[in-house]
N, C-alpha and C. Protein backbone atom coordinates (compact mmCIF):
# COMPACT_ATOMS: atom_id res chain seq x y z
N MET A 1 -3.14 -12.42 -11.11
CA MET A 1 -3.43 -11.51 -10.27
C MET A 1 -4.81 -10.90 -10.52
N ASP A 2 -5.50 -10.84 -9.35
CA ASP A 2 -6.92 -10.55 -9.44
C ASP A 2 -6.81 -8.89 -9.71
N ASP A 3 -8.22 -8.47 -9.98
CA ASP A 3 -8.49 -7.14 -10.54
C ASP A 3 -8.36 -6.09 -9.29
N LEU A 4 -8.83 -6.51 -7.93
CA LEU A 4 -8.76 -5.88 -6.87
C LEU A 4 -7.01 -5.56 -6.44
N THR A 5 -6.19 -6.36 -6.55
CA THR A 5 -4.90 -6.22 -6.08
C THR A 5 -4.22 -5.29 -7.19
N GLN A 6 -4.81 -5.29 -8.66
CA GLN A 6 -4.24 -4.43 -9.59
C GLN A 6 -4.70 -3.01 -9.19
N LEU A 7 -5.94 -2.77 -8.75
CA LEU A 7 -6.40 -1.55 -8.39
C LEU A 7 -5.57 -1.11 -7.24
N PHE A 8 -5.15 -1.87 -6.09
CA PHE A 8 -4.39 -1.39 -5.15
C PHE A 8 -3.01 -0.97 -5.51
N ILE A 9 -2.46 -1.74 -6.70
CA ILE A 9 -1.09 -1.30 -7.22
C ILE A 9 -1.29 0.02 -7.78
N ARG A 10 -2.24 0.10 -8.65
CA ARG A 10 -2.35 1.37 -9.51
C ARG A 10 -2.61 2.62 -8.45
N ALA A 11 -3.24 2.40 -7.37
CA ALA A 11 -3.43 3.41 -6.48
C ALA A 11 -2.34 3.84 -5.79
N CYS A 12 -1.22 2.91 -5.71
CA CYS A 12 0.07 3.28 -5.04
C CYS A 12 0.75 3.88 -6.10
N LYS A 13 0.54 3.72 -7.45
CA LYS A 13 1.61 4.42 -8.24
C LYS A 13 0.99 5.57 -8.82
N SER A 14 -0.32 6.23 -8.09
CA SER A 14 -0.83 7.15 -8.50
C SER A 14 -0.13 8.62 -7.75
N ARG A 15 -0.80 9.87 -8.22
CA ARG A 15 -0.14 10.95 -7.84
C ARG A 15 -0.26 11.30 -6.35
N ASN A 16 -1.48 10.78 -5.87
CA ASN A 16 -1.91 10.76 -4.58
C ASN A 16 -2.11 9.53 -3.92
N PRO A 17 -1.25 8.78 -3.44
CA PRO A 17 -1.34 7.26 -3.25
C PRO A 17 -2.15 6.95 -1.98
N LYS A 18 -1.71 7.73 -0.88
CA LYS A 18 -2.43 7.43 0.27
C LYS A 18 -3.84 7.59 0.24
N ALA A 19 -4.41 8.53 -0.29
CA ALA A 19 -5.85 8.86 -0.63
C ALA A 19 -6.46 7.89 -1.59
N ARG A 20 -5.70 7.55 -2.74
CA ARG A 20 -6.25 6.55 -3.56
C ARG A 20 -6.39 5.20 -2.86
N VAL A 21 -5.40 4.76 -2.02
CA VAL A 21 -5.42 3.43 -1.60
C VAL A 21 -6.62 3.49 -0.54
N LYS A 22 -6.86 4.25 0.34
CA LYS A 22 -8.10 4.47 1.01
C LYS A 22 -9.09 4.39 0.28
N SER A 23 -9.18 5.20 -0.66
CA SER A 23 -10.72 5.10 -1.87
C SER A 23 -10.84 3.78 -2.08
N VAL A 24 -10.02 3.10 -2.68
CA VAL A 24 -9.94 1.76 -3.28
C VAL A 24 -10.56 0.85 -1.98
N TYR A 25 -10.15 1.02 -0.88
CA TYR A 25 -10.46 0.19 0.43
C TYR A 25 -11.85 0.66 0.70
N ARG A 26 -12.10 1.76 0.65
CA ARG A 26 -13.64 2.11 0.90
C ARG A 26 -14.71 1.52 -0.03
N ARG A 27 -14.20 1.56 -1.28
CA ARG A 27 -15.10 1.07 -2.29
C ARG A 27 -15.37 -0.33 -2.29
N PHE A 28 -14.40 -1.17 -1.87
CA PHE A 28 -14.83 -2.49 -1.75
C PHE A 28 -14.66 -3.15 -0.49
N TYR A 29 -14.40 -2.74 0.62
CA TYR A 29 -14.40 -3.24 1.83
C TYR A 29 -15.15 -2.63 2.80
N GLN A 30 -15.36 -1.33 2.81
CA GLN A 30 -15.90 -0.62 3.89
C GLN A 30 -17.36 -1.08 4.40
N TYR A 31 -17.98 -1.51 3.11
CA TYR A 31 -19.54 -1.68 3.39
C TYR A 31 -19.64 -2.86 4.39
N CYS A 32 -18.52 -3.76 4.73
CA CYS A 32 -18.67 -4.70 5.74
C CYS A 32 -18.70 -4.41 7.20
N ASP A 33 -18.10 -3.27 7.61
CA ASP A 33 -17.98 -2.85 8.96
C ASP A 33 -18.12 -1.10 8.88
N ARG A 34 -19.11 -0.77 8.66
CA ARG A 34 -19.65 0.62 8.67
C ARG A 34 -19.48 1.22 10.08
N GLU A 35 -19.71 0.39 11.21
CA GLU A 35 -19.82 0.91 12.53
C GLU A 35 -18.23 1.19 13.08
N ARG A 36 -17.11 0.90 12.45
CA ARG A 36 -16.07 1.18 12.77
C ARG A 36 -15.58 2.70 12.25
N GLU A 37 -14.70 3.18 13.02
CA GLU A 37 -14.03 4.31 12.60
C GLU A 37 -13.07 4.30 11.50
N GLN A 38 -12.64 5.60 10.73
CA GLN A 38 -11.76 5.16 9.55
C GLN A 38 -10.55 4.95 10.32
N GLY A 39 -9.94 5.37 11.29
CA GLY A 39 -8.49 5.30 11.67
C GLY A 39 -8.41 3.59 12.00
N GLU A 40 -9.47 2.79 12.26
CA GLU A 40 -9.31 1.53 12.61
C GLU A 40 -9.18 0.55 11.22
N TYR A 41 -9.41 1.40 10.24
CA TYR A 41 -9.32 0.65 8.78
C TYR A 41 -7.70 0.44 8.45
N ASP A 42 -6.87 1.25 8.86
CA ASP A 42 -5.38 1.30 8.58
C ASP A 42 -4.79 -0.02 8.66
N GLY A 43 -5.44 -0.58 9.86
CA GLY A 43 -4.67 -2.23 10.00
C GLY A 43 -5.04 -3.07 8.92
N TYR A 44 -6.40 -2.93 8.28
CA TYR A 44 -6.71 -3.84 7.28
C TYR A 44 -5.95 -3.26 5.86
N ILE A 45 -5.82 -2.12 5.72
CA ILE A 45 -5.13 -1.63 4.50
C ILE A 45 -3.63 -1.85 4.67
N SER A 46 -3.01 -1.96 5.84
CA SER A 46 -1.69 -2.44 5.88
C SER A 46 -1.51 -3.81 5.67
N ARG A 47 -2.26 -4.64 5.97
CA ARG A 47 -2.27 -5.93 5.66
C ARG A 47 -2.40 -6.48 4.39
N ILE A 48 -3.36 -5.64 3.61
CA ILE A 48 -3.55 -5.98 2.18
C ILE A 48 -2.15 -5.52 1.38
N LEU A 49 -1.65 -4.33 1.65
CA LEU A 49 -0.42 -3.71 1.09
C LEU A 49 0.91 -4.77 1.51
N LEU A 50 0.76 -5.25 2.63
CA LEU A 50 1.74 -6.20 3.02
C LEU A 50 1.84 -7.46 2.25
N ASP A 51 0.58 -8.10 2.07
CA ASP A 51 0.40 -9.18 1.24
C ASP A 51 0.99 -8.75 -0.25
N ILE A 52 0.72 -7.74 -0.77
CA ILE A 52 1.09 -7.58 -2.12
C ILE A 52 2.61 -7.53 -2.05
N CYS A 53 3.16 -6.74 -1.27
CA CYS A 53 4.80 -6.65 -1.24
C CYS A 53 5.24 -7.94 -0.96
N ILE A 54 4.62 -8.87 -0.17
CA ILE A 54 5.35 -10.10 0.00
C ILE A 54 5.16 -10.95 -0.94
N GLU A 55 4.16 -10.93 -1.89
CA GLU A 55 3.73 -11.88 -3.15
C GLU A 55 4.80 -11.36 -3.93
N HIS A 56 5.10 -10.25 -4.16
CA HIS A 56 5.69 -9.89 -5.44
C HIS A 56 7.36 -9.55 -4.93
N ASP A 57 7.63 -10.00 -3.65
CA ASP A 57 9.23 -9.86 -3.20
C ASP A 57 9.52 -8.44 -3.24
N LEU A 58 8.81 -7.35 -2.91
CA LEU A 58 9.26 -5.94 -2.84
C LEU A 58 9.97 -5.56 -1.74
N LEU A 59 9.85 -6.06 -0.64
CA LEU A 59 10.36 -5.76 0.89
C LEU A 59 11.15 -6.97 1.34
N SER A 60 12.41 -6.75 1.62
CA SER A 60 13.19 -7.89 2.50
C SER A 60 12.69 -7.48 3.87
N ILE A 61 12.87 -8.63 4.64
CA ILE A 61 12.39 -8.80 6.00
C ILE A 61 13.26 -7.51 6.83
N HIS A 62 14.60 -7.50 6.44
CA HIS A 62 15.68 -6.65 6.98
C HIS A 62 15.18 -5.41 6.82
N LYS A 63 14.96 -4.86 5.65
CA LYS A 63 14.41 -3.52 5.29
C LYS A 63 13.15 -3.10 6.03
N LEU A 64 12.29 -4.13 6.32
CA LEU A 64 10.89 -3.88 6.83
C LEU A 64 11.12 -3.52 8.34
N ILE A 65 12.00 -4.24 9.05
CA ILE A 65 12.77 -4.06 10.24
C ILE A 65 13.24 -2.88 10.54
N ASP A 66 14.13 -2.74 9.64
CA ASP A 66 15.00 -1.29 9.84
C ASP A 66 14.16 -0.26 9.67
N GLU A 67 13.44 -0.22 8.83
CA GLU A 67 12.58 1.01 8.41
C GLU A 67 11.35 1.14 9.32
N LEU A 68 10.95 0.25 9.97
CA LEU A 68 10.01 0.48 11.07
C LEU A 68 10.37 0.79 12.48
N ASP A 69 11.63 0.53 12.63
CA ASP A 69 12.26 0.79 13.81
C ASP A 69 12.06 2.36 14.19
N PRO A 70 11.37 2.51 15.39
CA PRO A 70 10.75 3.89 15.66
C PRO A 70 11.95 4.77 15.98
N ASP A 71 13.13 4.29 16.36
CA ASP A 71 14.27 5.35 16.54
C ASP A 71 14.86 5.66 15.02
N TYR A 72 14.96 5.07 14.13
CA TYR A 72 15.34 5.24 12.91
C TYR A 72 14.43 5.87 12.07
N TYR A 73 13.07 5.91 12.46
CA TYR A 73 12.06 6.34 11.55
C TYR A 73 11.86 7.89 12.22
N MET A 74 11.96 8.11 13.50
CA MET A 74 12.12 9.44 14.15
C MET A 74 12.88 10.31 13.94
N LYS A 75 14.30 9.61 13.92
CA LYS A 75 15.40 10.69 13.64
C LYS A 75 15.80 10.87 12.09
N LYS A 76 15.29 10.10 11.15
CA LYS A 76 15.55 10.02 9.78
C LYS A 76 14.47 10.92 9.00
N VAL A 77 13.30 10.35 9.41
CA VAL A 77 12.16 10.90 8.50
C VAL A 77 11.18 11.70 8.94
N MET A 78 10.65 11.48 10.26
CA MET A 78 9.55 12.55 10.84
C MET A 78 10.10 13.16 12.11
N LYS A 79 9.38 14.15 12.26
CA LYS A 79 9.60 14.87 13.61
C LYS A 79 8.34 14.92 14.52
N ASP A 80 7.26 14.39 13.72
CA ASP A 80 6.03 14.18 14.68
C ASP A 80 5.86 12.52 14.65
N ALA A 81 5.03 12.27 15.98
CA ALA A 81 4.94 11.04 15.99
C ALA A 81 3.73 10.47 15.15
N ARG A 82 3.79 9.30 14.62
CA ARG A 82 2.79 8.77 13.85
C ARG A 82 2.50 7.27 14.37
N GLY A 83 1.25 6.60 13.95
CA GLY A 83 1.11 5.49 14.46
C GLY A 83 1.70 4.36 13.56
N TYR A 84 1.88 3.11 14.08
CA TYR A 84 2.73 1.96 13.39
C TYR A 84 2.06 1.54 12.20
N ARG A 85 0.65 1.32 12.31
CA ARG A 85 0.03 0.89 11.08
C ARG A 85 0.31 2.06 9.92
N GLU A 86 0.21 3.32 10.34
CA GLU A 86 0.51 4.20 9.19
C GLU A 86 1.65 4.26 8.69
N GLN A 87 2.74 3.97 9.51
CA GLN A 87 4.19 3.71 8.99
C GLN A 87 4.30 2.65 7.93
N VAL A 88 3.48 1.57 8.18
CA VAL A 88 3.54 0.35 7.45
C VAL A 88 2.91 0.68 6.13
N ILE A 89 1.77 1.41 6.07
CA ILE A 89 1.31 1.80 4.79
C ILE A 89 1.81 2.47 3.89
N ASP A 90 2.78 3.49 4.62
CA ASP A 90 3.83 4.47 3.99
C ASP A 90 4.64 3.55 3.15
N LEU A 91 5.16 2.77 4.18
CA LEU A 91 6.33 2.02 3.50
C LEU A 91 5.97 1.06 2.49
N CYS A 92 4.92 0.30 2.60
CA CYS A 92 4.24 -0.65 1.55
C CYS A 92 4.01 0.29 0.25
N ILE A 93 3.40 1.54 0.27
CA ILE A 93 3.02 2.43 -0.74
C ILE A 93 4.47 2.67 -1.45
N SER A 94 5.51 2.95 -0.70
CA SER A 94 6.69 3.27 -1.37
C SER A 94 7.37 2.26 -2.02
N ALA A 95 7.24 1.13 -1.55
CA ALA A 95 7.88 -0.18 -2.15
C ALA A 95 6.99 -0.57 -3.42
N ILE A 96 5.87 -0.52 -3.45
CA ILE A 96 4.81 -0.70 -4.62
C ILE A 96 5.15 0.34 -5.66
N ARG A 97 5.14 1.64 -5.07
CA ARG A 97 5.20 2.66 -6.22
C ARG A 97 6.65 2.84 -6.98
N LEU A 98 7.60 2.40 -6.28
CA LEU A 98 9.02 2.61 -6.96
C LEU A 98 9.33 1.15 -7.68
N THR A 99 8.51 0.11 -7.83
CA THR A 99 8.83 -1.15 -8.52
C THR A 99 8.34 -0.81 -9.82
N LYS A 100 9.26 -1.25 -10.64
CA LYS A 100 8.70 -1.30 -12.34
C LYS A 100 7.49 -2.22 -12.56
N LYS A 101 6.64 -1.57 -13.51
CA LYS A 101 5.65 -2.52 -13.75
C LYS A 101 5.84 -3.85 -14.21
N ASP A 102 7.17 -3.92 -15.05
CA ASP A 102 7.55 -5.26 -15.54
C ASP A 102 7.81 -6.22 -14.60
N ASP A 103 8.15 -5.67 -13.14
CA ASP A 103 8.52 -6.61 -12.15
C ASP A 103 7.44 -7.34 -11.39
N LEU A 104 6.00 -6.68 -11.70
CA LEU A 104 4.80 -7.27 -11.13
C LEU A 104 4.19 -8.04 -12.08
N LYS A 105 4.44 -9.30 -11.82
CA LYS A 105 3.94 -10.25 -12.94
C LYS A 105 2.29 -10.36 -12.84
N GLY A 106 1.57 -10.31 -14.11
CA GLY A 106 0.29 -10.51 -14.15
C GLY A 106 -0.38 -9.18 -14.16
N LEU A 107 0.25 -7.73 -14.08
CA LEU A 107 -0.34 -6.55 -13.89
C LEU A 107 -0.78 -6.36 -15.45
N ARG A 108 -2.09 -5.95 -15.77
CA ARG A 108 -2.34 -5.66 -17.08
C ARG A 108 -2.42 -4.03 -17.09
N PRO A 109 -2.17 -3.56 -18.40
CA PRO A 109 -2.40 -2.09 -18.53
C PRO A 109 -4.00 -1.86 -18.29
N PRO A 110 -4.03 -0.60 -17.87
CA PRO A 110 -5.56 0.02 -17.75
C PRO A 110 -6.27 -0.28 -18.99
N LEU A 111 -7.53 -0.12 -19.11
CA LEU A 111 -8.30 -0.66 -20.36
C LEU A 111 -8.06 0.48 -21.42
N ARG A 112 -7.87 1.88 -20.98
CA ARG A 112 -7.84 2.88 -21.99
C ARG A 112 -6.54 2.92 -22.55
N PHE A 113 -5.35 2.12 -22.15
CA PHE A 113 -4.36 2.19 -22.75
C PHE A 113 -4.09 0.63 -23.62
N ARG A 114 -5.09 -0.08 -23.51
CA ARG A 114 -4.93 -1.24 -24.42
C ARG A 114 -5.19 -0.98 -26.04
N LYS A 115 -4.74 -1.84 -26.81
CA LYS A 115 -5.01 -1.69 -28.16
C LYS A 115 -6.45 -2.01 -28.48
N PRO A 116 -7.29 -1.46 -29.25
CA PRO A 116 -8.64 -2.32 -29.48
C PRO A 116 -8.42 -3.47 -30.63
C-alpha cells in the first residue's frame, strides 16, 4: 500500500473525516487543476475512495447500490438534498472508517507510534 493511500485511510478514520479527506486531496492533487472550483473535486475524491474500498473489499456492490438509491437515502438518512458525489464520499468514508486496521493489508502505524 502506498503512502498516499495510507493518508486517505487515516483521514477517513480521524475525528473530522470529510475535512481531512479534502485536506489530503488539496495537498497532493489540487495543484494540478487550480482553475476548477472546489465542488468539482468531489468526483476525484469519490473515485479515490471508491478505489480504496474496492481494493480492500470494504463495500459489496449490493450495499453500494442500495445505499446510493435516492429514495432510500432521502427517507432514511437525510431530509435535505445532497449531490450524488457527496453521497459516494460519505459512504466510502463510513466503510473505511468502520473497518478494522488489521483488515487493511499493508497499513503501517503512524511514525509516532512505531517503536524506535
